Structure formats: C-alpha cells, structure tokens
Amino acid sequence: MGTHQRIAASLLALGILGTAAFLRATAADQEIDTGPAMEAADAWLAHVDAGRYGQSWQDASQGFRDAVTREKWDQMVSPVRAQTGNLIARKVRSATYTRQLPNAPAGEYVVIIYDTRFERVPHAVETVTPMRESDGTWKVSGYYVKPG
C-alpha cells in the first residue's frame, strides 16, 4: 500500500470525512460563520506546511489526539508531505458546516476543501475538518490529502 493510501485509509478509519452529497444534505439550511473554523484550519496547516507535525498534533482536537498518538501522526504525515514537497499555493474550494459526519461523533464541523499545489504534486485536494470543541474553540479533527 502506498503512502498516500496508508494515510487516506488511516484518516478514513477515524471517520473524519463525509461525502459531498451528505454534507450538502445536512448543511442545506445551516447558517454559520465558518471564518473561525477556517482560521483554525489555516493556522494548523501552517504547522504542517512548516514540518512542525508535533505542533500540529498538539493543536488538533482532543478527538484527533485520542485517536492518533503524536508519534503515529508524525509517521503518517511526514512521508506524505515529503512526497508532495513544499506548498506552492492553496485555494479554498468550499467550506461546509455540518453537525454530522459518517463514523464521527455528533458535533459541529466545517469541512474545508482546498485545491492545492505542491512542488511535486501540482494538483492535489486537501480536506481539513475543524470541529468546535466544548470550550467553543475550533480545532482540526481531520486531515486528508490526495493527488487531484
């Protein structure tokens, strides 16, 4: 199994991604300011982009940290990002608020999909999923990157 497939399988196993149709159906009449969630995602991605995987783990949601140890996170993300190379550009394609994701606990989530260019992967899709923590802050609960 390739590195991209391993990280995809691991992250899917955490239940952090939903399908676009599911998200549209559950968020159709939800109105929420996604700005704070997007700011949390951007700050978290800055750590990942800089290779500060331990800090990205520390800044992730409690559920993320409970599901993946810091060491395992480093083992999962480091080889993937080594294959992609440095970030060239990232643009938000969509940000969708939902209260439910398949195989994830009930809560408030914003699923952010980015069109991303890396040094060695000119067309990639990143999905970052912040969730609202019990203290009201937004923290990343999932990350997925695949060639697009």
C-alpha atoms as a PDB file:
ATOM      1  CA  MET A   1       0.000   0.000   0.000  1.00  0.00           C
ATOM      2  CA  GLY A   2       1.443   3.409  -0.991  1.00  0.00           C
ATOM      3  CA  THR A   3       1.987   6.207   1.480  1.00  0.00           C
ATOM      4  CA  HIS A   4      -0.960   8.238   0.176  1.00  0.00           C
ATOM      5  CA  GLN A   5      -3.192   5.191   0.500  1.00  0.00           C
ATOM      6  CA  ARG A   6      -1.973   4.470   4.040  1.00  0.00           C
ATOM      7  CA  ILE A   7      -2.707   7.962   5.296  1.00  0.00           C
ATOM      8  CA  ALA A   8      -6.033   8.009   3.470  1.00  0.00           C
ATOM      9  CA  ALA A   9      -7.025   4.658   4.972  1.00  0.00           C
ATOM     10  CA  SER A  10      -5.932   5.732   8.442  1.00  0.00           C
ATOM     11  CA  LEU A  11      -7.754   9.026   8.309  1.00  0.00           C
ATOM     12  CA  LEU A  12     -10.877   7.473   6.836  1.00  0.00           C
ATOM     13  CA  ALA A  13     -10.794   4.968   9.670  1.00  0.00           C
ATOM     14  CA  LEU A  14     -11.003   7.897  12.065  1.00  0.00           C
ATOM     15  CA  GLY A  15     -14.311   8.837  10.492  1.00  0.00           C
ATOM     16  CA  ILE A  16     -13.330  12.405   9.677  1.00  0.00           C
ATOM     17  CA  LEU A  17     -14.544  12.671   6.120  1.00  0.00           C
ATOM     18  CA  GLY A  18     -18.005  12.694   4.624  1.00  0.00           C
ATOM     19  CA  THR A  19     -19.235  12.725   1.094  1.00  0.00           C
ATOM     20  CA  ALA A  20     -20.130  15.985  -0.605  1.00  0.00           C
ATOM     21  CA  ALA A  21     -23.738  14.878  -1.052  1.00  0.00           C
ATOM     22  CA  PHE A  22     -24.062  14.032   2.640  1.00  0.00           C
ATOM     23  CA  LEU A  23     -22.641  17.405   3.614  1.00  0.00           C
ATOM     24  CA  ARG A  24     -24.975  19.294   1.283  1.00  0.00           C
ATOM     25  CA  ALA A  25     -27.947  17.410   2.684  1.00  0.00           C
ATOM     26  CA  THR A  26     -27.091  18.005   6.339  1.00  0.00           C
ATOM     27  CA  ALA A  27     -25.968  21.609   5.962  1.00  0.00           C
ATOM     28  CA  ALA A  28     -28.545  22.838   3.480  1.00  0.00           C
ATOM     29  CA  ASP A  29     -30.328  25.152   5.879  1.00  0.00           C
ATOM     30  CA  GLN A  30     -27.490  25.827   8.327  1.00  0.00           C
ATOM     31  CA  GLU A  31     -26.171  29.369   8.514  1.00  0.00           C
ATOM     32  CA  ILE A  32     -22.967  29.784  10.449  1.00  0.00           C
ATOM     33  CA  ASP A  33     -19.877  31.952  10.247  1.00  0.00           C
ATOM     34  CA  THR A  34     -17.237  29.487   9.078  1.00  0.00           C
ATOM     35  CA  GLY A  35     -14.496  32.112   9.485  1.00  0.00           C
ATOM     36  CA  PRO A  36     -13.237  30.973  12.917  1.00  0.00           C
ATOM     37  CA  ALA A  37     -13.050  27.349  11.751  1.00  0.00           C
ATOM     38  CA  MET A  38     -11.205  28.399   8.607  1.00  0.00           C
ATOM     39  CA  GLU A  39      -8.751  30.484  10.659  1.00  0.00           C
ATOM     40  CA  ALA A  40      -8.086  27.453  12.874  1.00  0.00           C
ATOM     41  CA  ALA A  41      -7.513  25.308   9.782  1.00  0.00           C
ATOM     42  CA  ASP A  42      -5.122  27.868   8.279  1.00  0.00           C
ATOM     43  CA  ALA A  43      -3.082  28.107  11.494  1.00  0.00           C
ATOM     44  CA  TRP A  44      -2.964  24.322  11.771  1.00  0.00           C
ATOM     45  CA  LEU A  45      -1.945  23.927   8.123  1.00  0.00           C
ATOM     46  CA  ALA A  46       0.876  26.432   8.671  1.00  0.00           C
ATOM     47  CA  HIS A  47       2.382  23.981  11.180  1.00  0.00           C
ATOM     48  CA  VAL A  48       2.021  21.060   8.776  1.00  0.00           C
ATOM     49  CA  ASP A  49       3.455  23.102   5.886  1.00  0.00           C
ATOM     50  CA  ALA A  50       6.476  24.000   8.019  1.00  0.00           C
ATOM     51  CA  GLY A  51       7.054  20.374   9.046  1.00  0.00           C
ATOM     52  CA  ARG A  52       6.012  21.057  12.641  1.00  0.00           C
ATOM     53  CA  TYR A  53       3.933  17.885  12.853  1.00  0.00           C
ATOM     54  CA  GLY A  54       4.249  17.615  16.626  1.00  0.00           C
ATOM     55  CA  GLN A  55       2.810  21.105  16.997  1.00  0.00           C
ATOM     56  CA  SER A  56       0.010  20.300  14.546  1.00  0.00           C
ATOM     57  CA  TRP A  57      -0.845  17.261  16.678  1.00  0.00           C
ATOM     58  CA  GLN A  58      -0.789  19.391  19.839  1.00  0.00           C
ATOM     59  CA  ASP A  59      -3.088  21.980  18.245  1.00  0.00           C
ATOM     60  CA  ALA A  60      -5.545  19.362  16.912  1.00  0.00           C
ATOM     61  CA  SER A  61      -8.848  18.472  18.548  1.00  0.00           C
ATOM     62  CA  GLN A  62      -8.961  16.202  21.573  1.00  0.00           C
ATOM     63  CA  GLY A  63     -10.639  13.523  19.457  1.00  0.00           C
ATOM     64  CA  PHE A  64      -7.793  13.657  16.940  1.00  0.00           C
ATOM     65  CA  ARG A  65      -5.200  13.321  19.706  1.00  0.00           C
ATOM     66  CA  ASP A  66      -7.134  10.477  21.330  1.00  0.00           C
ATOM     67  CA  ALA A  67      -7.317   8.581  18.029  1.00  0.00           C
ATOM     68  CA  VAL A  68      -3.718   9.087  16.862  1.00  0.00           C
ATOM     69  CA  THR A  69      -0.631   9.357  19.024  1.00  0.00           C
ATOM     70  CA  ARG A  70       1.844  12.136  18.309  1.00  0.00           C
ATOM     71  CA  GLU A  71       4.375   9.561  17.095  1.00  0.00           C
ATOM     72  CA  LYS A  72       1.837   7.843  14.827  1.00  0.00           C
ATOM     73  CA  TRP A  73       0.750  11.194  13.385  1.00  0.00           C
ATOM     74  CA  ASP A  74       4.361  12.011  12.550  1.00  0.00           C
ATOM     75  CA  GLN A  75       4.803   8.563  10.964  1.00  0.00           C
ATOM     76  CA  MET A  76       1.665   9.077   8.881  1.00  0.00           C
ATOM     77  CA  VAL A  77       2.065  12.658   7.673  1.00  0.00           C
ATOM     78  CA  SER A  78       5.830  13.014   7.351  1.00  0.00           C
ATOM     79  CA  PRO A  79       6.310  10.635   4.393  1.00  0.00           C
ATOM     80  CA  VAL A  80       3.255  12.005   2.597  1.00  0.00           C
ATOM     81  CA  ARG A  81       4.417  15.593   2.858  1.00  0.00           C
ATOM     82  CA  ALA A  82       7.953  14.539   1.889  1.00  0.00           C
ATOM     83  CA  GLN A  83       6.462  13.109  -1.318  1.00  0.00           C
ATOM     84  CA  THR A  84       4.422  16.221  -2.090  1.00  0.00           C
ATOM     85  CA  GLY A  85       7.244  18.690  -1.486  1.00  0.00           C
ATOM     86  CA  ASN A  86       6.728  22.239  -0.291  1.00  0.00           C
ATOM     87  CA  LEU A  87       3.458  24.095  -0.616  1.00  0.00           C
ATOM     88  CA  ILE A  88       3.219  26.331  -3.684  1.00  0.00           C
ATOM     89  CA  ALA A  89      -0.391  27.533  -3.450  1.00  0.00           C
ATOM     90  CA  ARG A  90      -3.631  26.669  -1.682  1.00  0.00           C
ATOM     91  CA  LYS A  91      -7.107  27.937  -2.516  1.00  0.00           C
ATOM     92  CA  VAL A  92     -10.369  27.205  -0.717  1.00  0.00           C
ATOM     93  CA  ARG A  93     -12.802  25.349  -2.948  1.00  0.00           C
ATOM     94  CA  SER A  94     -15.550  25.022  -0.346  1.00  0.00           C
ATOM     95  CA  ALA A  95     -16.297  25.226   3.365  1.00  0.00           C
ATOM     96  CA  THR A  96     -19.350  23.331   4.555  1.00  0.00           C
ATOM     97  CA  TYR A  97     -20.810  23.385   8.048  1.00  0.00           C
ATOM     98  CA  THR A  98     -22.403  20.205   9.362  1.00  0.00           C
ATOM     99  CA  ARG A  99     -23.417  18.635  12.654  1.00  0.00           C
ATOM    100  CA  GLN A 100     -22.861  15.069  11.463  1.00  0.00           C
ATOM    101  CA  LEU A 101     -20.154  13.169   9.638  1.00  0.00           C
ATOM    102  CA  PRO A 102     -20.168   9.452   8.893  1.00  0.00           C
ATOM    103  CA  ASN A 103     -18.403   7.460  11.620  1.00  0.00           C
ATOM    104  CA  ALA A 104     -17.718  10.577  13.692  1.00  0.00           C
ATOM    105  CA  PRO A 105     -19.217  11.736  16.972  1.00  0.00           C
ATOM    106  CA  ALA A 106     -22.019  14.273  16.839  1.00  0.00           C
ATOM    107  CA  GLY A 107     -20.725  17.812  16.968  1.00  0.00           C
ATOM    108  CA  GLU A 108     -20.154  20.901  14.887  1.00  0.00           C
ATOM    109  CA  TYR A 109     -17.790  20.572  11.949  1.00  0.00           C
ATOM    110  CA  VAL A 110     -16.654  22.627   8.995  1.00  0.00           C
ATOM    111  CA  VAL A 111     -15.336  20.533   6.128  1.00  0.00           C
ATOM    112  CA  ILE A 112     -12.907  22.678   4.141  1.00  0.00           C
ATOM    113  CA  ILE A 113     -11.748  21.509   0.739  1.00  0.00           C
ATOM    114  CA  TYR A 114      -8.693  23.146  -0.785  1.00  0.00           C
ATOM    115  CA  ASP A 115      -7.251  22.971  -4.278  1.00  0.00           C
ATOM    116  CA  THR A 116      -3.543  22.791  -3.554  1.00  0.00           C
ATOM    117  CA  ARG A 117      -0.298  22.839  -5.498  1.00  0.00           C
ATOM    118  CA  PHE A 118       2.863  21.336  -4.083  1.00  0.00           C
ATOM    119  CA  GLU A 119       6.356  21.160  -5.557  1.00  0.00           C
ATOM    120  CA  ARG A 120       5.983  17.540  -6.658  1.00  0.00           C
ATOM    121  CA  VAL A 121       2.194  17.281  -6.820  1.00  0.00           C
ATOM    122  CA  PRO A 122       0.871  20.097  -8.997  1.00  0.00           C
ATOM    123  CA  HIS A 123      -2.805  19.180  -8.473  1.00  0.00           C
ATOM    124  CA  ALA A 124      -3.871  17.997  -5.046  1.00  0.00           C
ATOM    125  CA  VAL A 125      -7.019  18.172  -2.960  1.00  0.00           C
ATOM    126  CA  GLU A 126      -6.701  18.716   0.773  1.00  0.00           C
ATOM    127  CA  THR A 127      -9.602  18.257   3.149  1.00  0.00           C
ATOM    128  CA  VAL A 128      -9.287  19.793   6.601  1.00  0.00           C
ATOM    129  CA  THR A 129     -12.071  19.284   9.110  1.00  0.00           C
ATOM    130  CA  PRO A 130     -12.129  21.547  12.154  1.00  0.00           C
ATOM    131  CA  MET A 131     -14.664  20.805  14.870  1.00  0.00           C
ATOM    132  CA  ARG A 132     -15.957  23.029  17.648  1.00  0.00           C
ATOM    133  CA  GLU A 133     -14.549  21.911  20.989  1.00  0.00           C
ATOM    134  CA  SER A 134     -16.559  22.064  24.221  1.00  0.00           C
ATOM    135  CA  ASP A 135     -14.883  25.387  25.083  1.00  0.00           C
ATOM    136  CA  GLY A 136     -16.155  26.916  21.816  1.00  0.00           C
ATOM    137  CA  THR A 137     -12.802  26.926  20.006  1.00  0.00           C
ATOM    138  CA  TRP A 138     -12.326  25.310  16.612  1.00  0.00           C
ATOM    139  CA  LYS A 139      -9.628  22.640  16.292  1.00  0.00           C
ATOM    140  CA  VAL A 140      -8.735  20.383  13.408  1.00  0.00           C
ATOM    141  CA  SER A 141     -10.188  16.905  13.782  1.00  0.00           C
ATOM    142  CA  GLY A 142      -9.125  15.524  10.424  1.00  0.00           C
ATOM    143  CA  TYR A 143      -6.770  15.984   7.503  1.00  0.00           C
ATOM    144  CA  TYR A 144      -6.677  14.241   4.157  1.00  0.00           C
ATOM    145  CA  VAL A 145      -4.551  14.962   1.098  1.00  0.00           C
ATOM    146  CA  LYS A 146      -4.693  13.208  -2.248  1.00  0.00           C
ATOM    147  CA  PRO A 147      -3.468  13.886  -5.748  1.00  0.00           C
ATOM    148  CA  GLY A 148      -6.254  15.583  -7.615  1.00  0.00           C
END
